[in-house]
Amino acid sequence: MRISQLTLALLLTTTFFACNSTDDNPTLPQPLTATTVKDLAADPPTSVDPQTGQAIGSTNKFTLFSFRENKQVPNTDSATNKWDIGFRGTTVIVNGGPIRSGQGGAYLHTGTFEELTTIPTSATFAQDQSPTQLAITTGSGKGWYNYNQTTNVVSPIPGKVLVVRTGEGRYAKMEVLSYYLNAPATPDPTSKQRYYTFRYVYQPDGSQKLN
């Protein structure tokens, strides 16, 4: 009888400490942090016509990028889901749609980068349907940028956030900060163009929470 009582006491003590240990050290999800990418070359030209701003000598190839890996993906992997978003000049593509191989899509959110903590339930993700019908609309004032014909300068539109479903079906938010090398505060026609500086938050768990 005494042995049974001692055994029971030991079991209760072990259980008590085990529960306390778990309660004192809960496993909490880590907050997501923004990553800044600087001067990602997006098919930069060898020269620019100072009168029209037209790029000369570019390769016409997209620069592909993976949010999960935080790195450029080679064009040889363009037919895979290894990349999420691509840049060529002011044109932005996503890895989803009948002309792509990934699960991606995108929409342009109006609001601040910080305030967008969860993708709205009303959000509709478009995909790249053809080289001329893209998820992120091209043209000044139609997508993420404005183009000043007087100064030949491209400027990100304040309060525009690109929300991307990645090639693997996860989510990220992205804000373009500059279109010029070294992100000058006041770019001019002599500034080297087609170099993206942007920040993004990637959600690896597949949920639509972005904070």
Protein backbone atom coordinates (compact mmCIF):
# COMPACT_ATOMS: atom_id res chain seq x y z
CA MET A 1 0.00 0.00 0.00
CA ARG A 2 2.78 2.41 0.88
CA ILE A 3 4.57 1.59 -2.39
CA SER A 4 1.41 2.36 -4.40
CA GLN A 5 0.96 5.66 -2.60
CA LEU A 6 4.59 6.62 -3.25
CA THR A 7 4.28 5.70 -6.93
CA LEU A 8 1.11 7.79 -7.27
CA ALA A 9 2.78 10.77 -5.58
CA LEU A 10 5.73 10.58 -7.95
CA LEU A 11 3.43 10.42 -10.99
CA LEU A 12 1.44 13.43 -9.82
CA THR A 13 4.63 15.42 -9.15
CA THR A 14 6.04 14.58 -12.59
CA THR A 15 2.79 15.55 -14.29
CA PHE A 16 2.64 18.83 -12.35
CA PHE A 17 6.13 19.89 -13.38
CA ALA A 18 5.60 18.78 -16.96
CA CYS A 19 2.46 20.90 -17.25
CA ASN A 20 4.15 23.88 -15.62
CA SER A 21 7.10 23.54 -18.02
CA THR A 22 4.75 23.58 -21.02
CA ASP A 23 2.72 26.51 -19.69
CA ASP A 24 5.81 28.58 -18.97
CA ASN A 25 7.25 28.07 -22.47
CA PRO A 26 4.39 28.17 -24.97
CA THR A 27 5.26 27.87 -28.63
CA LEU A 28 4.11 31.15 -30.17
CA PRO A 29 4.17 32.03 -33.87
CA GLN A 30 6.98 34.38 -34.77
CA PRO A 31 5.94 37.79 -36.13
CA LEU A 32 6.64 38.36 -39.80
CA THR A 33 9.17 41.01 -40.71
CA ALA A 34 9.63 43.00 -43.90
CA THR A 35 12.57 42.29 -46.17
CA THR A 36 14.03 45.03 -48.36
CA VAL A 37 15.54 44.20 -51.74
CA LYS A 38 17.81 46.85 -53.22
CA ASP A 39 18.64 47.52 -56.87
CA LEU A 40 17.21 44.37 -58.44
CA ALA A 41 18.11 44.82 -62.12
CA ALA A 42 15.02 44.52 -64.34
CA ASP A 43 16.53 44.35 -67.83
CA PRO A 44 18.35 47.71 -67.59
CA PRO A 45 19.24 49.37 -70.90
CA THR A 46 22.72 50.20 -72.11
CA SER A 47 21.50 53.75 -72.80
CA VAL A 48 18.36 55.88 -72.70
CA ASP A 49 17.05 58.36 -75.24
CA PRO A 50 17.05 61.67 -73.30
CA GLN A 51 14.17 63.04 -75.40
CA THR A 52 11.74 60.14 -75.05
CA GLY A 53 13.05 58.14 -72.10
CA GLN A 54 13.08 55.08 -74.37
CA ALA A 55 15.40 52.29 -73.20
CA ILE A 56 18.03 51.17 -75.70
CA GLY A 57 19.95 47.90 -75.66
CA SER A 58 17.85 45.89 -73.20
CA THR A 59 17.57 42.10 -73.53
CA ASN A 60 13.76 41.87 -73.29
CA LYS A 61 14.07 39.18 -70.58
CA PHE A 62 12.27 39.24 -67.24
CA THR A 63 14.13 39.14 -63.95
CA LEU A 64 12.43 36.39 -61.91
CA PHE A 65 12.33 36.52 -58.11
CA SER A 66 11.38 34.17 -55.26
CA PHE A 67 9.91 35.66 -52.08
CA ARG A 68 10.50 32.46 -50.12
CA GLU A 69 14.16 32.24 -51.09
CA ASN A 70 14.68 36.02 -51.21
CA LYS A 71 16.71 35.75 -54.37
CA GLN A 72 16.68 35.98 -58.13
CA VAL A 73 15.67 32.82 -59.99
CA PRO A 74 17.42 31.99 -63.29
CA ASN A 75 15.38 32.23 -66.48
CA THR A 76 16.08 28.54 -67.08
CA ASP A 77 13.55 27.89 -64.27
CA SER A 78 10.84 30.06 -65.85
CA ALA A 79 8.68 26.97 -66.54
CA THR A 80 8.63 25.93 -62.86
CA ASN A 81 6.93 27.23 -59.71
CA LYS A 82 10.28 28.29 -58.20
CA TRP A 83 9.64 31.97 -58.93
CA ASP A 84 6.81 34.24 -57.84
CA ILE A 85 7.16 37.58 -59.59
CA GLY A 86 9.09 38.95 -62.55
CA PHE A 87 10.25 42.41 -63.62
CA ARG A 88 11.13 43.87 -67.00
CA GLY A 89 11.14 47.62 -67.16
CA THR A 90 7.89 48.80 -65.59
CA THR A 91 6.12 45.53 -66.46
CA VAL A 92 5.49 43.10 -63.59
CA ILE A 93 4.43 39.49 -64.15
CA VAL A 94 3.28 36.76 -61.74
CA ASN A 95 3.74 33.01 -61.91
CA GLY A 96 0.16 32.01 -62.56
CA GLY A 97 -2.32 31.74 -65.40
CA PRO A 98 -2.55 29.80 -68.66
CA ILE A 99 0.81 31.12 -69.87
CA ARG A 100 2.62 30.24 -66.62
CA SER A 101 3.33 27.04 -64.72
CA GLY A 102 2.82 28.19 -61.10
CA GLN A 103 -0.23 28.76 -58.90
CA GLY A 104 0.32 32.50 -58.63
CA GLY A 105 -1.88 35.53 -58.97
CA ALA A 106 -1.97 39.14 -57.80
CA TYR A 107 -4.07 42.20 -57.13
CA LEU A 108 -3.26 45.82 -56.39
CA HIS A 109 -4.33 46.88 -52.91
CA THR A 110 -5.09 50.51 -52.11
CA GLY A 111 -3.82 51.37 -48.63
CA THR A 112 -0.60 51.45 -46.67
CA PHE A 113 1.89 48.60 -46.46
CA GLU A 114 1.79 48.58 -42.64
CA GLU A 115 -1.99 48.57 -42.36
CA LEU A 116 -2.42 45.58 -44.66
CA THR A 117 -2.19 42.82 -42.07
CA THR A 118 -4.66 40.34 -43.57
CA ILE A 119 -5.75 39.85 -47.15
CA PRO A 120 -9.38 41.00 -47.40
CA THR A 121 -11.94 38.27 -48.00
CA SER A 122 -13.23 40.30 -50.95
CA ALA A 123 -9.83 40.26 -52.70
CA THR A 124 -9.78 38.79 -56.19
CA PHE A 125 -6.49 37.49 -57.53
CA ALA A 126 -5.97 37.96 -61.26
CA GLN A 127 -3.52 35.90 -63.30
CA ASP A 128 -1.43 36.52 -66.40
CA GLN A 129 -3.70 35.52 -69.27
CA SER A 130 -1.42 36.59 -72.13
CA PRO A 131 1.68 38.75 -72.66
CA THR A 132 -0.63 41.76 -73.01
CA GLN A 133 -3.25 40.82 -70.41
CA LEU A 134 -1.44 40.72 -67.09
CA ALA A 135 -2.54 40.50 -63.47
CA ILE A 136 -0.75 43.79 -62.73
CA THR A 137 -1.97 46.26 -65.32
CA THR A 138 0.72 48.13 -67.21
CA GLY A 139 0.69 51.84 -68.08
CA SER A 140 1.06 55.08 -66.17
CA GLY A 141 -1.57 55.47 -63.47
CA LYS A 142 -3.06 52.04 -64.18
CA GLY A 143 -0.90 49.87 -61.94
CA TRP A 144 1.88 50.56 -59.49
CA TYR A 145 3.52 53.64 -61.07
CA ASN A 146 3.09 57.04 -62.67
CA TYR A 147 5.20 58.27 -65.58
CA ASN A 148 5.94 61.98 -65.96
CA GLN A 149 6.27 62.74 -69.68
CA THR A 150 7.92 66.07 -68.97
CA THR A 151 10.72 64.72 -66.81
CA ASN A 152 10.71 61.13 -68.13
CA VAL A 153 10.64 59.88 -64.53
CA VAL A 154 8.81 56.80 -63.22
CA SER A 155 7.45 57.12 -59.67
CA PRO A 156 5.68 54.50 -57.51
CA ILE A 157 2.11 55.54 -56.71
CA PRO A 158 1.82 56.12 -52.93
CA GLY A 159 -0.62 53.78 -51.21
CA LYS A 160 -0.37 50.98 -53.75
CA VAL A 161 0.60 47.54 -52.43
CA LEU A 162 1.08 44.51 -54.66
CA VAL A 163 -0.48 41.45 -53.03
CA VAL A 164 0.88 38.28 -54.59
CA ARG A 165 -0.12 34.65 -54.46
CA THR A 166 3.18 32.92 -55.07
CA GLY A 167 4.11 30.21 -57.54
CA GLU A 168 3.65 27.67 -54.73
CA GLY A 169 0.29 29.09 -53.61
CA ARG A 170 1.41 31.08 -50.58
CA TYR A 171 1.08 34.85 -50.06
CA ALA A 172 3.16 38.00 -49.89
CA LYS A 173 2.69 41.75 -49.94
CA MET A 174 5.14 44.03 -51.72
CA GLU A 175 5.70 47.76 -52.09
CA VAL A 176 7.93 49.28 -54.77
CA LEU A 177 10.09 52.01 -53.26
CA SER A 178 12.17 53.05 -56.26
CA TYR A 179 12.71 52.30 -59.94
CA TYR A 180 16.23 53.74 -60.06
CA LEU A 181 19.72 52.59 -59.10
CA ASN A 182 20.56 53.45 -55.48
CA ALA A 183 16.98 54.71 -54.98
CA PRO A 184 17.63 58.47 -55.34
CA ALA A 185 15.20 60.68 -53.44
CA THR A 186 14.65 62.82 -56.53
CA PRO A 187 15.42 60.83 -59.70
CA ASP A 188 15.93 62.65 -62.97
CA PRO A 189 16.39 61.58 -66.61
CA THR A 190 20.08 60.85 -65.96
CA SER A 191 19.28 58.39 -63.15
CA LYS A 192 19.88 54.76 -64.11
CA GLN A 193 16.47 53.13 -64.51
CA ARG A 194 15.07 49.60 -64.23
CA TYR A 195 16.59 48.88 -60.83
CA TYR A 196 13.87 47.96 -58.36
CA THR A 197 14.12 48.65 -54.66
CA PHE A 198 11.17 47.16 -52.82
CA ARG A 199 10.11 45.70 -49.51
CA TYR A 200 7.96 42.67 -48.93
CA VAL A 201 6.49 40.38 -46.29
CA TYR A 202 6.18 36.69 -47.12
CA GLN A 203 3.83 34.35 -45.24
CA PRO A 204 5.33 30.82 -45.33
CA ASP A 205 2.48 28.97 -43.61
CA GLY A 206 -0.03 29.39 -46.45
CA SER A 207 -2.40 31.61 -44.48
CA GLN A 208 -3.49 35.07 -45.62
CA LYS A 209 -2.14 36.84 -42.56
CA LEU A 210 0.64 39.27 -43.43
CA ASN A 211 1.86 40.48 -40.04
